[in-house]
Amino acid sequence: MSGYEVEPVTDTIAFGEGPHWSVEEQALYFVDFFEQLVRRYHPETSTHTKLHIEGGPVTMVVPHKTEKNTFVVSIGLTLAAVTWPDPTQDFSVSAEDIRILATVEQDLPDNRFNDGKCDAIGRLWAGTMSQAEEPDHMGNLYRLDIDRTITKVVEKLTYSNGLAWSEDNATMYHVDTLEYKVNAFDFDLTTGALSGRRVVFDFAEAGLSPAQPDGMTIDTDGNLWVAGYGVGTVYNIDPSDGKILRMVDQLPAQEITSVSWGGSDLDQLFVTCGNGPVLKVTGLGVKGRPAASCTVDISTVRGQ
């Protein structure tokens, strides 16, 4: 595919992941896994700020809807809330100020949380993965409900990864990286229940190896945009028939980790990378929907 433009908007990031565009702030939040950072990029002012979080690798960030300057993050095997008093300034959150919401899989020391997003109601969906050399399907997908009840909803995954929902909220899409599959589920927005698991795209069957499906988003046409880790490509896929519509393959990085729509019209595709800058892709001719914020009740949760 041609006709699009690619622009780096940050310096090299050790391992960028989990991009989330804040419509309210017109800013991109994402994590720097190895540095235990949440980063913020504000295009209008071309400013970059960072929040350091003690305690372990940070792999996802979602703003909280009602608590100002508060974010739900993952720290190892813990989901937590942290406050960044002024996101336009650098800040560091100490261990005692981390508000723990849930911890999972303490019997699996090689595991950690990986990707996570919120559904339209604001429940948090977050998956785990094993860091062992042989992951052996030790990952799981969890749902953190508004009352902070946490439920394991999909078991025996390799690397639980990208998430997206259809516009009518009837379908949830989910990536299982080392199975090379994008799966779909029938989704009940009211209860959060999943059913009818099926494969909508198989990277291995499509001959795309060594590309590993990673983070994912969806556009207003209902088509998926999946990061191809290891090959410097984002794949635009029609989940209704499993066809590749186009590929964004002129990217100056190989370790493509995730994607998120942003910009004032949500028509810019932000791409996070390992060992590379965050990239902005324009001229794609499609747009996304606003990313959901978290509404999990954290009002009574205090720091450690």
Protein backbone atom coordinates (compact mmCIF):
# COMPACT_ATOMS: atom_id res chain seq x y z
CA MET A 1 0.00 0.00 0.00
CA SER A 2 1.14 3.55 -0.69
CA GLY A 3 -0.35 7.00 -0.34
CA TYR A 4 0.21 7.33 3.39
CA GLU A 5 2.88 9.25 5.28
CA VAL A 6 4.88 8.12 8.30
CA GLU A 7 6.39 10.52 10.82
CA PRO A 8 8.27 9.73 14.05
CA VAL A 9 6.89 11.78 16.94
CA THR A 10 9.26 10.67 19.71
CA ASP A 11 12.88 9.71 20.09
CA THR A 12 13.74 6.01 20.28
CA ILE A 13 11.77 4.25 23.04
CA ALA A 14 13.24 1.14 24.66
CA PHE A 15 9.96 -0.77 24.31
CA GLY A 16 6.82 1.23 23.58
CA GLU A 17 3.44 -0.43 24.11
CA GLY A 18 -0.22 0.13 24.96
CA PRO A 19 -1.06 3.42 23.16
CA HIS A 20 -4.24 5.20 24.30
CA TRP A 21 -5.43 8.47 22.75
CA SER A 22 -7.14 10.84 25.17
CA VAL A 23 -9.80 12.76 23.26
CA GLU A 24 -10.25 15.14 26.20
CA GLU A 25 -6.56 16.09 26.33
CA GLN A 26 -5.75 15.53 22.66
CA ALA A 27 -2.73 13.59 23.87
CA LEU A 28 -1.29 10.12 23.41
CA TYR A 29 -0.48 8.00 26.44
CA PHE A 30 1.64 4.88 26.11
CA VAL A 31 4.04 2.81 28.20
CA ASP A 32 7.78 2.24 28.04
CA PHE A 33 7.97 -1.31 29.32
CA PHE A 34 11.65 -1.62 30.25
CA GLU A 35 11.85 1.81 31.86
CA GLN A 36 8.68 1.37 33.98
CA LEU A 37 7.23 4.52 32.48
CA VAL A 38 3.93 5.91 31.34
CA ARG A 39 4.67 8.49 28.65
CA ARG A 40 2.53 11.33 27.31
CA TYR A 41 2.87 13.02 23.94
CA HIS A 42 0.90 16.21 23.28
CA PRO A 43 1.05 17.03 19.55
CA GLU A 44 -0.21 20.62 19.75
CA THR A 45 2.67 21.66 21.99
CA SER A 46 5.12 18.95 20.84
CA THR A 47 5.76 18.12 24.49
CA HIS A 48 6.77 14.80 25.98
CA THR A 49 6.42 13.98 29.67
CA LYS A 50 6.82 10.79 31.67
CA LEU A 51 5.55 9.12 34.83
CA HIS A 52 7.88 6.64 36.51
CA ILE A 53 6.18 3.83 38.45
CA GLU A 54 8.02 1.70 40.98
CA GLY A 55 7.52 -2.02 41.30
CA GLY A 56 7.86 -3.78 37.97
CA PRO A 57 7.19 -3.71 34.25
CA VAL A 58 4.32 -1.45 33.19
CA THR A 59 2.56 -2.79 30.09
CA MET A 60 -0.74 -0.91 29.81
CA VAL A 61 -2.29 2.43 30.70
CA VAL A 62 -5.92 3.56 30.61
CA PRO A 63 -7.12 6.90 32.01
CA HIS A 64 -9.82 6.74 34.68
CA LYS A 65 -13.04 8.43 33.62
CA THR A 66 -14.02 10.18 36.85
CA GLU A 67 -10.81 10.52 38.90
CA LYS A 68 -8.83 13.35 37.36
CA ASN A 69 -5.23 12.59 36.38
CA THR A 70 -5.60 9.00 37.55
CA PHE A 71 -4.68 6.01 35.43
CA VAL A 72 -5.19 2.26 35.64
CA VAL A 73 -1.96 0.43 34.86
CA SER A 74 -0.45 -3.02 35.11
CA ILE A 75 2.62 -3.62 37.26
CA GLY A 76 3.83 -7.18 36.86
CA LEU A 77 0.83 -9.30 37.87
CA THR A 78 -1.01 -6.44 39.57
CA LEU A 79 -3.62 -4.03 38.26
CA ALA A 80 -3.35 -0.70 40.02
CA ALA A 81 -4.40 2.93 39.98
CA VAL A 82 -1.82 5.71 40.04
CA THR A 83 -2.20 9.47 40.11
CA TRP A 84 -0.13 11.81 37.97
CA PRO A 85 -0.81 15.20 39.56
CA ASP A 86 0.12 17.18 36.45
CA PRO A 87 0.63 15.13 33.27
CA THR A 88 2.37 18.09 31.63
CA GLN A 89 5.26 17.60 34.08
CA ASP A 90 7.50 14.61 34.80
CA PHE A 91 6.65 12.76 38.02
CA SER A 92 7.49 9.57 39.91
CA VAL A 93 5.00 7.39 41.81
CA SER A 94 6.44 5.64 44.85
CA ALA A 95 5.37 2.17 45.94
CA GLU A 96 3.28 3.46 48.86
CA ASP A 97 1.18 5.61 46.53
CA ILE A 98 0.19 2.73 44.25
CA ARG A 99 -3.46 1.73 44.76
CA ILE A 100 -3.79 -2.00 44.16
CA LEU A 101 -7.01 -3.12 42.46
CA ALA A 102 -6.29 -6.81 41.85
CA THR A 103 -3.43 -9.29 41.71
CA VAL A 104 -3.50 -12.59 39.82
CA GLU A 105 -1.43 -15.72 39.20
CA GLN A 106 0.88 -15.44 42.17
CA ASP A 107 1.60 -19.14 41.67
CA LEU A 108 3.03 -18.38 38.21
CA PRO A 109 6.15 -16.28 38.86
CA ASP A 110 7.16 -16.24 35.18
CA ASN A 111 3.89 -14.56 34.20
CA ARG A 112 3.06 -10.88 33.88
CA PHE A 113 0.23 -8.78 32.52
CA ASN A 114 0.54 -7.78 28.90
CA ASP A 115 -2.07 -5.86 26.88
CA GLY A 116 -5.29 -4.37 28.25
CA LYS A 117 -8.18 -2.08 27.30
CA CYS A 118 -11.61 -1.05 28.54
CA ASP A 119 -14.93 -1.93 26.96
CA ALA A 120 -17.69 0.62 26.33
CA ILE A 121 -18.96 0.36 29.93
CA GLY A 122 -15.46 0.92 31.32
CA ARG A 123 -14.65 -2.58 32.58
CA LEU A 124 -10.96 -3.39 32.19
CA TRP A 125 -9.92 -6.40 30.12
CA ALA A 126 -6.32 -7.45 30.67
CA GLY A 127 -4.38 -10.54 29.70
CA THR A 128 -1.28 -12.30 30.96
CA MET A 129 1.63 -14.09 29.34
CA SER A 130 4.56 -16.22 30.45
CA GLN A 131 8.09 -14.90 30.11
CA ALA A 132 9.50 -18.44 30.20
CA GLU A 133 11.38 -19.67 27.13
CA GLU A 134 8.56 -22.15 26.53
CA PRO A 135 5.33 -20.25 27.36
CA ASP A 136 3.20 -23.42 27.03
CA HIS A 137 -0.19 -21.65 27.07
CA MET A 138 0.17 -20.21 30.56
CA GLY A 139 -1.55 -16.92 29.72
CA ASN A 140 -5.11 -15.94 30.55
CA LEU A 141 -7.54 -13.10 29.86
CA TYR A 142 -9.24 -11.37 32.80
CA ARG A 143 -12.17 -8.99 33.21
CA LEU A 144 -12.07 -6.43 36.03
CA ASP A 145 -15.66 -5.40 36.68
CA ILE A 146 -16.84 -2.03 37.97
CA ASP A 147 -16.99 -3.37 41.54
CA ARG A 148 -13.36 -4.61 41.19
CA THR A 149 -14.36 -8.26 40.96
CA ILE A 150 -11.81 -9.95 38.74
CA THR A 151 -12.78 -12.95 36.61
CA LYS A 152 -10.69 -15.23 34.40
CA VAL A 153 -12.64 -15.37 31.14
CA VAL A 154 -10.29 -17.07 28.64
CA GLU A 155 -7.67 -19.64 29.66
CA LYS A 156 -4.60 -21.34 28.17
CA LEU A 157 -3.39 -18.53 25.96
CA THR A 158 0.19 -18.00 24.79
CA TYR A 159 0.60 -14.22 24.91
CA SER A 160 -2.74 -12.53 25.54
CA ASN A 161 -2.55 -9.45 23.38
CA GLY A 162 -4.58 -6.94 21.33
CA LEU A 163 -8.24 -6.21 22.03
CA ALA A 164 -10.98 -4.44 20.07
CA TRP A 165 -14.77 -4.26 20.00
CA SER A 166 -17.21 -3.84 17.13
CA GLU A 167 -19.19 -0.60 17.00
CA ASP A 168 -22.40 -2.37 18.06
CA ASN A 169 -20.53 -4.02 20.97
CA ALA A 170 -21.75 -7.43 19.83
CA THR A 171 -18.27 -8.76 19.05
CA MET A 172 -14.96 -8.69 20.90
CA TYR A 173 -11.71 -9.38 19.05
CA HIS A 174 -8.63 -10.74 20.80
CA VAL A 175 -5.10 -11.69 19.71
CA ASP A 176 -3.34 -14.86 20.91
CA THR A 177 0.16 -14.05 19.69
CA LEU A 178 2.02 -17.35 19.54
CA GLU A 179 -1.03 -19.12 18.15
CA TYR A 180 -0.79 -16.47 15.39
CA LYS A 181 -4.54 -15.97 15.61
CA VAL A 182 -7.04 -13.15 15.87
CA ASN A 183 -10.11 -14.61 17.59
CA ALA A 184 -13.62 -13.23 17.83
CA PHE A 185 -16.22 -13.75 20.56
CA ASP A 186 -19.88 -12.94 20.82
CA PHE A 187 -19.93 -10.21 23.47
CA ASP A 188 -22.65 -9.24 25.94
CA LEU A 189 -22.02 -5.62 26.90
CA THR A 190 -24.42 -5.76 29.85
CA THR A 191 -22.82 -8.75 31.58
CA GLY A 192 -19.38 -8.91 29.98
CA ALA A 193 -19.97 -12.55 29.03
CA LEU A 194 -18.14 -14.10 26.07
CA SER A 195 -19.29 -16.98 23.88
CA GLY A 196 -18.89 -18.40 20.39
CA ARG A 197 -15.11 -18.24 20.13
CA ARG A 198 -13.89 -18.43 16.55
CA VAL A 199 -10.83 -17.56 14.46
CA VAL A 200 -11.25 -14.60 12.10
CA PHE A 201 -7.65 -14.45 10.91
CA ASP A 202 -4.70 -16.84 11.17
CA PHE A 203 -1.30 -15.30 10.45
CA ALA A 204 0.32 -18.71 9.98
CA GLU A 205 -2.28 -19.97 7.53
CA ALA A 206 -1.99 -16.69 5.62
CA GLY A 207 1.74 -17.28 5.18
CA LEU A 208 2.73 -14.19 7.15
CA SER A 209 5.37 -15.85 9.33
CA PRO A 210 7.54 -14.60 10.99
CA ALA A 211 5.04 -11.80 11.70
CA GLN A 212 3.56 -12.14 15.19
CA PRO A 213 0.18 -10.47 15.75
CA ASP A 214 0.47 -8.04 18.65
CA GLY A 215 -1.61 -4.98 19.56
CA MET A 216 -4.77 -4.14 17.64
CA THR A 217 -7.40 -1.49 16.99
CA ILE A 218 -10.52 -1.17 14.85
CA ASP A 219 -11.80 1.51 12.46
CA THR A 220 -15.30 2.88 11.90
CA ASP A 221 -15.75 0.50 8.96
CA GLY A 222 -15.37 -2.42 11.36
CA ASN A 223 -11.99 -3.48 10.00
CA LEU A 224 -9.06 -4.45 12.21
CA TRP A 225 -5.57 -2.97 12.26
CA VAL A 226 -3.10 -5.45 13.73
CA ALA A 227 0.55 -4.78 14.59
CA GLY A 228 2.87 -7.34 13.03
CA TYR A 229 5.72 -7.70 15.49
CA GLY A 230 9.07 -8.55 13.94
CA VAL A 231 8.30 -7.46 10.38
CA GLY A 232 7.63 -3.72 10.57
CA THR A 233 4.09 -3.99 9.23
CA VAL A 234 0.55 -3.13 10.31
CA TYR A 235 -2.11 -5.34 8.72
CA ASN A 236 -5.58 -4.01 7.88
CA ILE A 237 -7.92 -7.02 8.03
CA ASP A 238 -11.61 -7.47 7.27
CA PRO A 239 -12.82 -9.78 10.07
CA SER A 240 -15.96 -10.73 8.15
CA ASP A 241 -14.04 -12.71 5.54
CA GLY A 242 -10.45 -12.81 6.80
CA LYS A 243 -9.04 -10.85 3.88
CA ILE A 244 -6.08 -8.48 4.12
CA LEU A 245 -7.30 -5.15 2.78
CA ARG A 246 -3.91 -3.46 2.83
CA MET A 247 -0.60 -3.33 4.63
CA VAL A 248 1.23 -0.41 6.17
CA ASP A 249 4.73 -1.72 5.56
CA GLN A 250 6.89 1.35 5.02
CA LEU A 251 7.71 1.74 8.70
CA PRO A 252 11.22 2.52 10.00
CA ALA A 253 11.08 -0.15 12.72
CA GLN A 254 10.64 -3.91 12.87
CA GLU A 255 9.31 -4.49 16.39
CA ILE A 256 5.83 -3.05 15.86
CA THR A 257 3.92 -3.58 19.10
CA SER A 258 0.57 -1.78 18.97
CA VAL A 259 -1.64 0.80 17.28
CA SER A 260 -4.19 3.44 18.29
CA TRP A 261 -6.28 6.00 16.43
CA GLY A 262 -5.69 9.59 17.43
CA GLY A 263 -5.71 13.20 16.31
CA SER A 264 -8.60 15.67 16.36
CA ASP A 265 -10.52 13.61 13.78
CA LEU A 266 -9.24 10.21 14.97
CA ASP A 267 -7.80 9.65 11.50
CA GLN A 268 -4.13 9.37 12.52
CA LEU A 269 -2.76 5.93 13.36
CA PHE A 270 -0.19 6.00 16.15
CA VAL A 271 2.18 3.03 16.15
CA THR A 272 4.33 1.98 19.12
CA CYS A 273 7.56 0.08 18.63
CA GLY A 274 10.25 -1.77 20.50
CA ASN A 275 13.62 -0.07 20.08
CA GLY A 276 12.13 2.65 17.93
CA PRO A 277 10.10 5.86 18.03
CA VAL A 278 6.35 6.21 18.23
CA LEU A 279 5.17 6.71 14.66
CA LYS A 280 2.25 8.71 13.29
CA VAL A 281 0.69 7.41 10.07
CA THR A 282 -1.55 9.78 8.11
CA GLY A 283 -3.38 9.61 4.81
CA LEU A 284 -5.02 6.23 5.43
CA GLY A 285 -8.49 7.49 4.52
CA VAL A 286 -10.23 5.90 7.50
CA LYS A 287 -10.69 6.78 11.15
CA GLY A 288 -11.30 5.15 14.50
CA ARG A 289 -13.60 5.64 17.48
CA PRO A 290 -12.66 7.18 20.83
CA ALA A 291 -10.92 4.76 23.19
CA ALA A 292 -12.92 3.94 26.32
CA SER A 293 -11.75 5.16 29.71
CA CYS A 294 -11.91 3.07 32.88
CA THR A 295 -14.93 3.33 35.19
CA VAL A 296 -13.90 0.68 37.74
CA ASP A 297 -14.79 1.94 41.22
CA ILE A 298 -11.51 2.92 42.85
CA SER A 299 -12.96 5.50 45.26
CA THR A 300 -12.27 3.44 48.39
CA VAL A 301 -8.87 2.09 47.37
CA ARG A 302 -5.92 3.65 49.16
CA GLY A 303 -2.17 3.33 48.69
CA GLN A 304 -0.12 0.58 50.27
